[in-house]
């Protein structure tokens, strides 16, 4: 089961730096993330989602592959690829995996303009190695699906970074 962790940062650059650091830690197999996104509340009040996965592009690539294979059966691989890519892109654009976009917008609407939040859907992690890596960035825990003890420990560690 995945756990959702939402951390607020004073700006989008800090949230993006933490996201990038988490990607590095995932490559080291210290954390496995199902989804990660940065949500920015711009100074004009508009909300911008910075998703980690481009579902439209992935759908188009998958559709082109399958369309090309099916097109080979009917001796029209290029036509099959074109139709497959279009269908895959449309399907990818309509799919929403990971953290719900409406939920992210709802949280961002309550944030101060100019700030950002990092949404992380964690499948598995090694907290004693991951938390010290993101602790220097500080942040404020907005919401989690962790147990009360785990959330309290996470808040304490993040607040410890703010005190330094």
C-alpha atoms as a PDB file:
ATOM      1  CA  UNK A   1       0.000   0.000   0.000  1.00  0.00           C
ATOM      2  CA  UNK A   2       1.269   3.455  -0.898  1.00  0.00           C
ATOM      3  CA  UNK A   3       1.509   6.373   1.508  1.00  0.00           C
ATOM      4  CA  UNK A   4       0.831   9.945   0.454  1.00  0.00           C
ATOM      5  CA  UNK A   5       3.044  12.703   1.833  1.00  0.00           C
ATOM      6  CA  UNK A   6       2.432  16.386   1.029  1.00  0.00           C
ATOM      7  CA  UNK A   7       5.141  18.886   2.001  1.00  0.00           C
ATOM      8  CA  UNK A   8       4.911  22.664   1.479  1.00  0.00           C
ATOM      9  CA  UNK A   9       7.952  24.710   0.474  1.00  0.00           C
ATOM     10  CA  UNK A  10       8.482  28.479   0.205  1.00  0.00           C
ATOM     11  CA  UNK A  11       9.055  28.315  -3.566  1.00  0.00           C
ATOM     12  CA  UNK A  12       8.854  25.999  -6.570  1.00  0.00           C
ATOM     13  CA  UNK A  13      12.664  25.805  -6.882  1.00  0.00           C
ATOM     14  CA  UNK A  14      12.992  24.177  -3.452  1.00  0.00           C
ATOM     15  CA  UNK A  15      10.139  21.738  -4.100  1.00  0.00           C
ATOM     16  CA  UNK A  16      11.691  20.813  -7.465  1.00  0.00           C
ATOM     17  CA  UNK A  17      15.107  20.290  -5.839  1.00  0.00           C
ATOM     18  CA  UNK A  18      13.574  17.893  -3.313  1.00  0.00           C
ATOM     19  CA  UNK A  19      11.739  16.052  -6.109  1.00  0.00           C
ATOM     20  CA  UNK A  20      14.993  15.682  -8.048  1.00  0.00           C
ATOM     21  CA  UNK A  21      16.785  14.450  -4.924  1.00  0.00           C
ATOM     22  CA  UNK A  22      14.031  11.849  -4.409  1.00  0.00           C
ATOM     23  CA  UNK A  23      14.536  10.669  -8.003  1.00  0.00           C
ATOM     24  CA  UNK A  24      18.250  10.226  -7.215  1.00  0.00           C
ATOM     25  CA  UNK A  25      17.367   8.232  -4.098  1.00  0.00           C
ATOM     26  CA  UNK A  26      14.982   6.092  -6.136  1.00  0.00           C
ATOM     27  CA  UNK A  27      17.820   5.258  -8.530  1.00  0.00           C
ATOM     28  CA  UNK A  28      19.787   4.130  -5.456  1.00  0.00           C
ATOM     29  CA  UNK A  29      16.813   1.924  -4.483  1.00  0.00           C
ATOM     30  CA  UNK A  30      16.322   3.758  -1.179  1.00  0.00           C
ATOM     31  CA  UNK A  31      12.766   4.780  -2.032  1.00  0.00           C
ATOM     32  CA  UNK A  32      10.135   3.558  -4.489  1.00  0.00           C
ATOM     33  CA  UNK A  33       7.623   6.170  -5.592  1.00  0.00           C
ATOM     34  CA  UNK A  34       4.401   5.484  -7.439  1.00  0.00           C
ATOM     35  CA  UNK A  35       3.976   9.169  -8.263  1.00  0.00           C
ATOM     36  CA  UNK A  36       5.603  12.486  -7.460  1.00  0.00           C
ATOM     37  CA  UNK A  37       4.415  15.961  -8.467  1.00  0.00           C
ATOM     38  CA  UNK A  38       5.177  19.572  -7.655  1.00  0.00           C
ATOM     39  CA  UNK A  39       2.212  21.923  -7.415  1.00  0.00           C
ATOM     40  CA  UNK A  40       2.881  25.634  -7.631  1.00  0.00           C
ATOM     41  CA  UNK A  41       0.587  28.417  -6.499  1.00  0.00           C
ATOM     42  CA  UNK A  42       1.739  31.326  -8.610  1.00  0.00           C
ATOM     43  CA  UNK A  43       1.784  34.901  -7.372  1.00  0.00           C
ATOM     44  CA  UNK A  44      -1.202  35.655  -9.619  1.00  0.00           C
ATOM     45  CA  UNK A  45      -3.147  32.939  -7.756  1.00  0.00           C
ATOM     46  CA  UNK A  46      -3.139  30.415 -10.607  1.00  0.00           C
ATOM     47  CA  UNK A  47      -2.226  26.804  -9.879  1.00  0.00           C
ATOM     48  CA  UNK A  48       0.329  24.920 -11.993  1.00  0.00           C
ATOM     49  CA  UNK A  49       0.876  21.155 -11.767  1.00  0.00           C
ATOM     50  CA  UNK A  50       4.351  19.843 -12.604  1.00  0.00           C
ATOM     51  CA  UNK A  51       3.726  16.128 -13.186  1.00  0.00           C
ATOM     52  CA  UNK A  52       6.563  13.619 -13.334  1.00  0.00           C
ATOM     53  CA  UNK A  53       4.910  11.376 -15.937  1.00  0.00           C
ATOM     54  CA  UNK A  54       3.575  12.583 -19.284  1.00  0.00           C
ATOM     55  CA  UNK A  55       0.651  10.223 -19.847  1.00  0.00           C
ATOM     56  CA  UNK A  56      -0.181  11.695 -23.271  1.00  0.00           C
ATOM     57  CA  UNK A  57       3.310  10.996 -24.607  1.00  0.00           C
ATOM     58  CA  UNK A  58       3.444   7.533 -23.069  1.00  0.00           C
ATOM     59  CA  UNK A  59       0.011   6.712 -24.514  1.00  0.00           C
ATOM     60  CA  UNK A  60       1.023   7.923 -27.977  1.00  0.00           C
ATOM     61  CA  UNK A  61       4.203   5.818 -27.958  1.00  0.00           C
ATOM     62  CA  UNK A  62       2.358   2.721 -26.766  1.00  0.00           C
ATOM     63  CA  UNK A  63      -0.463   3.285 -29.266  1.00  0.00           C
ATOM     64  CA  UNK A  64       1.990   3.731 -32.141  1.00  0.00           C
ATOM     65  CA  UNK A  65       3.686   0.463 -31.246  1.00  0.00           C
ATOM     66  CA  UNK A  66       0.454  -1.512 -31.032  1.00  0.00           C
ATOM     67  CA  UNK A  67      -1.028   0.246 -34.074  1.00  0.00           C
ATOM     68  CA  UNK A  68       2.085  -0.570 -36.086  1.00  0.00           C
ATOM     69  CA  UNK A  69       1.923  -4.218 -35.078  1.00  0.00           C
ATOM     70  CA  UNK A  70      -1.754  -4.481 -35.955  1.00  0.00           C
ATOM     71  CA  UNK A  71      -1.109  -2.556 -39.184  1.00  0.00           C
ATOM     72  CA  UNK A  72       1.500  -5.151 -40.147  1.00  0.00           C
ATOM     73  CA  UNK A  73      -1.227  -7.758 -40.115  1.00  0.00           C
ATOM     74  CA  UNK A  74      -3.148  -5.770 -42.730  1.00  0.00           C
ATOM     75  CA  UNK A  75      -0.015  -4.633 -44.654  1.00  0.00           C
ATOM     76  CA  UNK A  76      -0.535  -0.992 -43.598  1.00  0.00           C
ATOM     77  CA  UNK A  77       1.925  -0.449 -40.725  1.00  0.00           C
ATOM     78  CA  UNK A  78       2.241   3.342 -41.155  1.00  0.00           C
ATOM     79  CA  UNK A  79      -1.502   3.882 -41.162  1.00  0.00           C
ATOM     80  CA  UNK A  80      -1.829   1.580 -38.143  1.00  0.00           C
ATOM     81  CA  UNK A  81       0.907   3.491 -36.311  1.00  0.00           C
ATOM     82  CA  UNK A  82      -0.793   6.820 -37.013  1.00  0.00           C
ATOM     83  CA  UNK A  83      -4.178   5.635 -35.772  1.00  0.00           C
ATOM     84  CA  UNK A  84      -2.588   3.867 -32.792  1.00  0.00           C
ATOM     85  CA  UNK A  85      -0.601   6.952 -31.796  1.00  0.00           C
ATOM     86  CA  UNK A  86      -3.696   9.160 -31.974  1.00  0.00           C
ATOM     87  CA  UNK A  87      -5.782   6.714 -29.947  1.00  0.00           C
ATOM     88  CA  UNK A  88      -3.006   6.215 -27.403  1.00  0.00           C
ATOM     89  CA  UNK A  89      -2.460   9.949 -26.967  1.00  0.00           C
ATOM     90  CA  UNK A  90      -6.183  10.504 -26.429  1.00  0.00           C
ATOM     91  CA  UNK A  91      -6.346   7.675 -23.892  1.00  0.00           C
ATOM     92  CA  UNK A  92      -3.226   8.892 -22.101  1.00  0.00           C
ATOM     93  CA  UNK A  93      -4.548  12.442 -21.864  1.00  0.00           C
ATOM     94  CA  UNK A  94      -7.745  11.193 -20.240  1.00  0.00           C
ATOM     95  CA  UNK A  95      -6.072   8.878 -17.717  1.00  0.00           C
ATOM     96  CA  UNK A  96      -5.024  10.042 -14.278  1.00  0.00           C
ATOM     97  CA  UNK A  97      -2.660   7.795 -12.376  1.00  0.00           C
ATOM     98  CA  UNK A  98      -1.084   8.412  -9.001  1.00  0.00           C
ATOM     99  CA  UNK A  99      -2.157  11.417  -6.972  1.00  0.00           C
ATOM    100  CA  UNK A 100      -5.512  12.825  -8.071  1.00  0.00           C
ATOM    101  CA  UNK A 101      -5.120  16.154  -9.920  1.00  0.00           C
ATOM    102  CA  UNK A 102      -8.265  17.645  -8.366  1.00  0.00           C
ATOM    103  CA  UNK A 103      -6.951  16.810  -4.881  1.00  0.00           C
ATOM    104  CA  UNK A 104      -3.631  18.530  -5.687  1.00  0.00           C
ATOM    105  CA  UNK A 105      -5.469  21.630  -6.940  1.00  0.00           C
ATOM    106  CA  UNK A 106      -7.638  21.666  -3.800  1.00  0.00           C
ATOM    107  CA  UNK A 107      -4.572  21.628  -1.517  1.00  0.00           C
ATOM    108  CA  UNK A 108      -2.799  24.262  -3.658  1.00  0.00           C
ATOM    109  CA  UNK A 109      -5.822  26.574  -3.472  1.00  0.00           C
ATOM    110  CA  UNK A 110      -5.261  26.825   0.298  1.00  0.00           C
ATOM    111  CA  UNK A 111      -1.558  27.690  -0.034  1.00  0.00           C
ATOM    112  CA  UNK A 112      -0.023  31.155  -0.040  1.00  0.00           C
ATOM    113  CA  UNK A 113       0.712  32.651  -3.490  1.00  0.00           C
ATOM    114  CA  UNK A 114       4.331  32.079  -4.555  1.00  0.00           C
ATOM    115  CA  UNK A 115       4.655  28.796  -2.638  1.00  0.00           C
ATOM    116  CA  UNK A 116       4.764  25.186  -3.800  1.00  0.00           C
ATOM    117  CA  UNK A 117       3.989  21.724  -2.484  1.00  0.00           C
ATOM    118  CA  UNK A 118       5.530  18.352  -3.191  1.00  0.00           C
ATOM    119  CA  UNK A 119       3.135  15.398  -3.457  1.00  0.00           C
ATOM    120  CA  UNK A 120       4.839  12.020  -3.072  1.00  0.00           C
ATOM    121  CA  UNK A 121       3.107   8.643  -3.272  1.00  0.00           C
ATOM    122  CA  UNK A 122       5.604   6.327  -1.566  1.00  0.00           C
ATOM    123  CA  UNK A 123       5.381   2.580  -2.127  1.00  0.00           C
ATOM    124  CA  UNK A 124       8.450   1.676  -0.059  1.00  0.00           C
ATOM    125  CA  UNK A 125      11.302   3.559   1.563  1.00  0.00           C
ATOM    126  CA  UNK A 126      14.239   3.364   3.926  1.00  0.00           C
ATOM    127  CA  UNK A 127      13.345   6.380   6.111  1.00  0.00           C
ATOM    128  CA  UNK A 128      16.606   6.434   8.091  1.00  0.00           C
ATOM    129  CA  UNK A 129      18.477   7.017   4.805  1.00  0.00           C
ATOM    130  CA  UNK A 130      15.914   9.071   2.853  1.00  0.00           C
ATOM    131  CA  UNK A 131      14.869  11.637   5.471  1.00  0.00           C
ATOM    132  CA  UNK A 132      18.407  12.921   6.211  1.00  0.00           C
ATOM    133  CA  UNK A 133      18.836  13.542   2.473  1.00  0.00           C
ATOM    134  CA  UNK A 134      15.754  15.782   2.212  1.00  0.00           C
ATOM    135  CA  UNK A 135      15.930  17.240   5.730  1.00  0.00           C
ATOM    136  CA  UNK A 136      18.196  20.195   4.767  1.00  0.00           C
ATOM    137  CA  UNK A 137      15.443  21.523   2.481  1.00  0.00           C
ATOM    138  CA  UNK A 138      13.069  22.012   5.416  1.00  0.00           C
ATOM    139  CA  UNK A 139       9.422  22.267   4.488  1.00  0.00           C
ATOM    140  CA  UNK A 140       6.135  21.939   6.319  1.00  0.00           C
ATOM    141  CA  UNK A 141       4.095  18.738   6.341  1.00  0.00           C
ATOM    142  CA  UNK A 142       0.608  19.534   5.044  1.00  0.00           C
ATOM    143  CA  UNK A 143      -0.890  16.070   4.919  1.00  0.00           C
ATOM    144  CA  UNK A 144       0.044  12.393   5.049  1.00  0.00           C
ATOM    145  CA  UNK A 145      -1.608   8.993   5.056  1.00  0.00           C
ATOM    146  CA  UNK A 146       1.003   7.717   7.528  1.00  0.00           C
ATOM    147  CA  UNK A 147       0.142   6.412  10.975  1.00  0.00           C
ATOM    148  CA  UNK A 148       0.100   9.050  13.719  1.00  0.00           C
ATOM    149  CA  UNK A 149       3.453   7.848  15.085  1.00  0.00           C
ATOM    150  CA  UNK A 150       5.114   7.870  11.661  1.00  0.00           C
ATOM    151  CA  UNK A 151       3.691  11.306  10.854  1.00  0.00           C
ATOM    152  CA  UNK A 152       4.862  12.710  14.202  1.00  0.00           C
ATOM    153  CA  UNK A 153       8.365  11.344  13.568  1.00  0.00           C
ATOM    154  CA  UNK A 154       8.428  12.841  10.061  1.00  0.00           C
ATOM    155  CA  UNK A 155       7.217  16.235  11.341  1.00  0.00           C
ATOM    156  CA  UNK A 156       9.874  16.205  14.067  1.00  0.00           C
ATOM    157  CA  UNK A 157      12.648  15.464  11.575  1.00  0.00           C
ATOM    158  CA  UNK A 158      11.506  18.142   9.117  1.00  0.00           C
ATOM    159  CA  UNK A 159      11.112  20.714  11.898  1.00  0.00           C
ATOM    160  CA  UNK A 160      14.591  19.791  13.114  1.00  0.00           C
ATOM    161  CA  UNK A 161      15.903  20.940   9.746  1.00  0.00           C
ATOM    162  CA  UNK A 162      14.094  24.265  10.049  1.00  0.00           C
ATOM    163  CA  UNK A 163      15.714  24.882  13.452  1.00  0.00           C
ATOM    164  CA  UNK A 164      19.244  24.567  12.028  1.00  0.00           C
END
